[in-house]
């Protein structure tokens, strides 16, 4: 198996399932490589943040489709909470607090 170099995000590396989806579609891979590291990081986090495997597969499929359409960031995503180089904004803190009360 040949492992192609794929650019990672700021904090996150591209997981194997997402890497496979990118390498199987040259147009999507080109779109991925055209993103900033921060934008790539948000896509990776958006895919890996979910708990269920089924939801993760749906997020990968949606990532592929939206990159084909020219989207540069996940729509309606609060952003990666794993970044340590800046504090989490008050609005994101409020969203996370609400989510923790419902789970």
N, C-alpha and C. Protein backbone atom coordinates (compact mmCIF):
# COMPACT_ATOMS: atom_id res chain seq x y z
N UNK A 1 0.84 -1.18 0.00
CA UNK A 1 0.00 0.00 0.00
C UNK A 1 0.88 1.24 0.00
N UNK A 2 0.60 2.18 -0.88
CA UNK A 2 1.35 3.42 -0.95
C UNK A 2 0.61 4.46 -0.12
N UNK A 3 1.35 5.07 0.79
CA UNK A 3 0.75 6.10 1.63
C UNK A 3 1.08 7.46 1.02
N UNK A 4 0.07 8.14 0.51
CA UNK A 4 0.27 9.45 -0.08
C UNK A 4 0.39 10.49 1.02
N UNK A 5 1.24 11.48 0.77
CA UNK A 5 1.34 12.59 1.71
C UNK A 5 0.09 13.44 1.58
N UNK A 6 -0.55 13.66 2.71
CA UNK A 6 -1.73 14.50 2.76
C UNK A 6 -1.50 15.49 3.89
N UNK A 7 -1.77 16.74 3.63
CA UNK A 7 -1.57 17.77 4.64
C UNK A 7 -2.54 17.60 5.79
N UNK A 8 -2.03 17.79 7.00
CA UNK A 8 -2.84 17.68 8.21
C UNK A 8 -3.39 19.04 8.60
N UNK A 9 -4.07 19.06 9.74
CA UNK A 9 -4.58 20.31 10.29
C UNK A 9 -3.58 20.91 11.25
N UNK A 10 -4.01 21.90 11.98
CA UNK A 10 -3.17 22.57 12.97
C UNK A 10 -2.89 21.63 14.14
N UNK A 11 -3.92 20.98 14.62
CA UNK A 11 -3.83 20.10 15.78
C UNK A 11 -3.98 18.63 15.39
N UNK A 12 -4.85 18.36 14.43
CA UNK A 12 -5.22 16.99 14.09
C UNK A 12 -4.52 16.47 12.84
N UNK A 13 -4.22 15.18 12.84
CA UNK A 13 -3.75 14.47 11.65
C UNK A 13 -4.96 13.88 10.94
N UNK A 14 -4.83 13.69 9.65
CA UNK A 14 -5.93 13.11 8.87
C UNK A 14 -6.07 11.64 9.26
N UNK A 15 -7.25 11.24 9.78
CA UNK A 15 -7.45 9.83 10.14
C UNK A 15 -7.52 8.94 8.90
N UNK A 16 -7.28 7.66 9.09
CA UNK A 16 -7.17 6.70 7.99
C UNK A 16 -8.42 6.68 7.11
N UNK A 17 -9.61 6.70 7.69
CA UNK A 17 -10.83 6.62 6.88
C UNK A 17 -11.02 7.86 6.01
N UNK A 18 -10.68 9.02 6.53
CA UNK A 18 -10.78 10.24 5.76
C UNK A 18 -9.68 10.29 4.70
N UNK A 19 -8.48 9.85 5.05
CA UNK A 19 -7.37 9.77 4.10
C UNK A 19 -7.75 8.89 2.91
N UNK A 20 -8.37 7.76 3.18
CA UNK A 20 -8.79 6.85 2.11
C UNK A 20 -9.79 7.52 1.18
N UNK A 21 -10.74 8.27 1.77
CA UNK A 21 -11.74 8.97 0.95
C UNK A 21 -11.07 10.03 0.08
N UNK A 22 -10.07 10.72 0.60
CA UNK A 22 -9.37 11.75 -0.18
C UNK A 22 -8.55 11.14 -1.31
N UNK A 23 -7.83 10.08 -1.01
CA UNK A 23 -6.94 9.50 -2.02
C UNK A 23 -7.70 8.79 -3.14
N UNK A 24 -8.97 8.48 -2.90
CA UNK A 24 -9.76 7.83 -3.95
C UNK A 24 -10.39 8.83 -4.91
N UNK A 25 -10.21 10.14 -4.65
CA UNK A 25 -10.81 11.15 -5.50
C UNK A 25 -9.83 12.31 -5.68
N UNK A 26 -9.16 12.38 -6.83
CA UNK A 26 -8.15 13.43 -7.05
C UNK A 26 -8.70 14.86 -6.91
N UNK A 27 -9.95 15.09 -7.33
CA UNK A 27 -10.53 16.43 -7.22
C UNK A 27 -10.68 16.83 -5.75
N UNK A 28 -11.12 15.90 -4.94
CA UNK A 28 -11.30 16.19 -3.51
C UNK A 28 -9.94 16.39 -2.85
N UNK A 29 -8.98 15.57 -3.22
CA UNK A 29 -7.64 15.71 -2.65
C UNK A 29 -7.04 17.07 -3.01
N UNK A 30 -7.24 17.51 -4.23
CA UNK A 30 -6.75 18.83 -4.64
C UNK A 30 -7.44 19.94 -3.84
N UNK A 31 -8.74 19.81 -3.63
CA UNK A 31 -9.47 20.80 -2.83
C UNK A 31 -8.96 20.81 -1.40
N UNK A 32 -8.69 19.62 -0.86
CA UNK A 32 -8.17 19.49 0.51
C UNK A 32 -6.82 20.21 0.64
N UNK A 33 -5.96 19.96 -0.32
CA UNK A 33 -4.62 20.55 -0.26
C UNK A 33 -4.65 22.07 -0.45
N UNK A 34 -5.72 22.58 -1.02
CA UNK A 34 -5.86 24.02 -1.23
C UNK A 34 -6.36 24.74 0.02
N UNK A 35 -6.82 24.00 1.03
CA UNK A 35 -7.32 24.60 2.26
C UNK A 35 -6.17 25.05 3.15
N UNK A 36 -6.47 25.98 4.04
CA UNK A 36 -5.49 26.38 5.05
C UNK A 36 -5.39 25.28 6.10
N UNK A 37 -4.29 25.20 6.84
CA UNK A 37 -4.20 24.20 7.91
C UNK A 37 -5.34 24.33 8.93
N UNK A 38 -5.76 25.54 9.22
CA UNK A 38 -6.85 25.72 10.18
C UNK A 38 -8.17 25.18 9.64
N UNK A 39 -8.44 25.41 8.35
CA UNK A 39 -9.67 24.88 7.74
C UNK A 39 -9.63 23.36 7.71
N UNK A 40 -8.47 22.78 7.36
CA UNK A 40 -8.33 21.31 7.37
C UNK A 40 -8.58 20.78 8.78
N UNK A 41 -8.05 21.48 9.77
CA UNK A 41 -8.23 21.07 11.15
C UNK A 41 -9.71 21.01 11.52
N UNK A 42 -10.48 22.00 11.08
CA UNK A 42 -11.90 22.03 11.41
C UNK A 42 -12.65 20.86 10.75
N UNK A 43 -12.30 20.54 9.50
CA UNK A 43 -12.94 19.38 8.85
C UNK A 43 -12.60 18.09 9.61
N UNK A 44 -11.34 17.92 9.95
CA UNK A 44 -10.92 16.70 10.66
C UNK A 44 -11.65 16.61 11.99
N UNK A 45 -11.68 17.69 12.74
CA UNK A 45 -12.35 17.69 14.04
C UNK A 45 -13.84 17.42 13.87
N UNK A 46 -14.45 18.00 12.85
CA UNK A 46 -15.88 17.80 12.61
C UNK A 46 -16.18 16.33 12.34
N UNK A 47 -15.28 15.65 11.63
CA UNK A 47 -15.47 14.22 11.35
C UNK A 47 -15.23 13.38 12.59
N UNK A 48 -14.21 13.69 13.37
CA UNK A 48 -13.83 12.83 14.49
C UNK A 48 -14.56 13.15 15.79
N UNK A 49 -15.25 14.28 15.86
CA UNK A 49 -15.93 14.71 17.08
C UNK A 49 -17.16 13.88 17.41
N UNK A 50 -17.76 13.26 16.40
CA UNK A 50 -19.00 12.52 16.60
C UNK A 50 -18.73 11.19 17.32
N UNK A 51 -19.76 10.64 17.94
CA UNK A 51 -19.60 9.44 18.75
C UNK A 51 -19.91 8.14 18.01
N UNK A 52 -20.88 8.18 17.10
CA UNK A 52 -21.32 6.95 16.43
C UNK A 52 -20.57 6.76 15.11
N UNK A 53 -20.24 5.51 14.80
CA UNK A 53 -19.57 5.18 13.54
C UNK A 53 -20.42 5.58 12.34
N UNK A 54 -21.72 5.37 12.44
CA UNK A 54 -22.62 5.72 11.34
C UNK A 54 -22.58 7.22 11.07
N UNK A 55 -22.60 8.01 12.12
CA UNK A 55 -22.54 9.46 11.97
C UNK A 55 -21.20 9.89 11.38
N UNK A 56 -20.15 9.24 11.81
CA UNK A 56 -18.82 9.55 11.27
C UNK A 56 -18.77 9.29 9.77
N UNK A 57 -19.32 8.15 9.33
CA UNK A 57 -19.36 7.85 7.90
C UNK A 57 -20.16 8.91 7.14
N UNK A 58 -21.26 9.37 7.74
CA UNK A 58 -22.06 10.43 7.11
C UNK A 58 -21.26 11.72 7.02
N UNK A 59 -20.49 12.03 8.05
CA UNK A 59 -19.68 13.25 8.03
C UNK A 59 -18.59 13.16 6.98
N UNK A 60 -17.99 11.99 6.81
CA UNK A 60 -16.97 11.82 5.77
C UNK A 60 -17.60 12.01 4.40
N UNK A 61 -18.75 11.40 4.18
CA UNK A 61 -19.44 11.53 2.89
C UNK A 61 -19.78 12.99 2.63
N UNK A 62 -20.28 13.68 3.65
CA UNK A 62 -20.63 15.09 3.49
C UNK A 62 -19.37 15.94 3.25
N UNK A 63 -18.27 15.61 3.92
CA UNK A 63 -17.01 16.33 3.70
C UNK A 63 -16.60 16.22 2.24
N UNK A 64 -16.64 15.02 1.71
CA UNK A 64 -16.26 14.80 0.31
C UNK A 64 -17.15 15.61 -0.62
N UNK A 65 -18.45 15.53 -0.41
CA UNK A 65 -19.39 16.26 -1.27
C UNK A 65 -19.20 17.77 -1.17
N UNK A 66 -19.00 18.27 0.03
CA UNK A 66 -18.88 19.71 0.20
C UNK A 66 -17.55 20.23 -0.32
N UNK A 67 -16.49 19.45 -0.21
CA UNK A 67 -15.22 19.87 -0.82
C UNK A 67 -15.35 19.91 -2.34
N UNK A 68 -16.08 18.94 -2.91
CA UNK A 68 -16.32 18.96 -4.37
C UNK A 68 -17.08 20.22 -4.78
N UNK A 69 -17.98 20.66 -3.91
CA UNK A 69 -18.79 21.85 -4.20
C UNK A 69 -18.03 23.15 -3.94
N UNK A 70 -16.84 23.05 -3.38
CA UNK A 70 -16.03 24.26 -3.15
C UNK A 70 -16.11 24.83 -1.75
N UNK A 71 -16.80 24.15 -0.85
CA UNK A 71 -16.86 24.66 0.52
C UNK A 71 -15.48 24.55 1.16
N UNK A 72 -15.15 25.52 1.98
CA UNK A 72 -13.83 25.58 2.58
C UNK A 72 -13.84 25.23 4.07
N UNK A 73 -15.01 25.26 4.69
CA UNK A 73 -15.14 24.92 6.10
C UNK A 73 -16.48 24.22 6.32
N UNK A 74 -16.56 23.41 7.38
CA UNK A 74 -17.86 22.77 7.66
C UNK A 74 -18.90 23.83 8.05
N UNK A 75 -20.05 23.72 7.47
CA UNK A 75 -21.13 24.67 7.75
C UNK A 75 -21.67 24.45 9.18
N UNK A 76 -21.91 25.53 9.84
CA UNK A 76 -22.54 25.49 11.17
C UNK A 76 -21.71 24.74 12.21
N UNK A 77 -20.40 24.73 12.05
CA UNK A 77 -19.52 24.04 13.00
C UNK A 77 -18.97 25.05 13.96
N UNK A 78 -19.00 24.75 15.24
CA UNK A 78 -18.54 25.70 16.25
C UNK A 78 -17.03 25.85 16.25
N UNK A 79 -16.34 25.01 15.53
CA UNK A 79 -14.88 25.09 15.47
C UNK A 79 -14.24 24.06 16.36
N UNK A 80 -12.99 23.81 16.13
CA UNK A 80 -12.26 22.79 16.88
C UNK A 80 -12.01 23.26 18.31
N UNK A 81 -12.43 22.47 19.26
CA UNK A 81 -12.23 22.82 20.67
C UNK A 81 -10.90 22.30 21.18
N UNK A 82 -10.14 21.62 20.34
CA UNK A 82 -8.88 21.01 20.76
C UNK A 82 -7.68 21.92 20.60
N UNK A 83 -7.86 23.06 19.99
CA UNK A 83 -6.73 23.98 19.80
C UNK A 83 -6.31 24.54 21.15
N UNK A 84 -5.02 24.55 21.37
CA UNK A 84 -4.50 25.05 22.64
C UNK A 84 -3.85 26.42 22.48
N UNK A 85 -3.80 26.93 21.25
CA UNK A 85 -3.13 28.20 21.01
C UNK A 85 -4.03 29.42 21.21
N UNK A 86 -5.30 29.19 21.52
CA UNK A 86 -6.19 30.32 21.82
C UNK A 86 -7.31 29.82 22.72
N UNK A 87 -7.86 30.70 23.55
CA UNK A 87 -8.95 30.27 24.44
C UNK A 87 -10.24 30.03 23.67
N UNK A 88 -11.08 29.18 24.22
CA UNK A 88 -12.40 28.92 23.63
C UNK A 88 -13.26 30.16 23.88
N UNK A 89 -13.92 30.62 22.84
CA UNK A 89 -14.73 31.84 22.95
C UNK A 89 -15.92 31.61 23.89
N UNK A 90 -16.45 32.68 24.48
CA UNK A 90 -17.61 32.54 25.36
C UNK A 90 -18.81 31.90 24.67
N UNK A 91 -19.03 32.20 23.39
CA UNK A 91 -20.19 31.61 22.70
C UNK A 91 -20.02 30.10 22.52
N UNK A 92 -18.81 29.65 22.23
CA UNK A 92 -18.55 28.22 22.10
C UNK A 92 -18.64 27.55 23.47
N UNK A 93 -18.16 28.21 24.51
CA UNK A 93 -18.28 27.67 25.87
C UNK A 93 -19.75 27.45 26.23
N UNK A 94 -20.61 28.38 25.85
CA UNK A 94 -22.04 28.25 26.14
C UNK A 94 -22.64 27.05 25.39
N UNK A 95 -22.25 26.87 24.13
CA UNK A 95 -22.76 25.74 23.35
C UNK A 95 -22.31 24.42 23.98
N UNK A 96 -21.05 24.35 24.36
CA UNK A 96 -20.53 23.12 24.98
C UNK A 96 -21.21 22.85 26.32
N UNK A 97 -21.50 23.88 27.07
CA UNK A 97 -22.19 23.70 28.35
C UNK A 97 -23.60 23.14 28.13
N UNK A 98 -24.28 23.67 27.13
CA UNK A 98 -25.63 23.15 26.82
C UNK A 98 -25.57 21.70 26.37
N UNK A 99 -24.59 21.37 25.55
CA UNK A 99 -24.45 19.99 25.07
C UNK A 99 -24.17 19.03 26.21
N UNK A 100 -23.36 19.45 27.15
CA UNK A 100 -23.01 18.55 28.25
C UNK A 100 -24.21 18.29 29.16
N UNK A 101 -25.16 19.20 29.20
CA UNK A 101 -26.36 19.01 30.01
C UNK A 101 -27.35 18.05 29.36
N UNK A 102 -27.27 17.92 28.01
CA UNK A 102 -28.22 17.06 27.30
C UNK A 102 -27.70 15.65 27.09
N UNK A 103 -26.41 15.41 27.38
CA UNK A 103 -25.86 14.06 27.17
C UNK A 103 -25.77 13.30 28.47
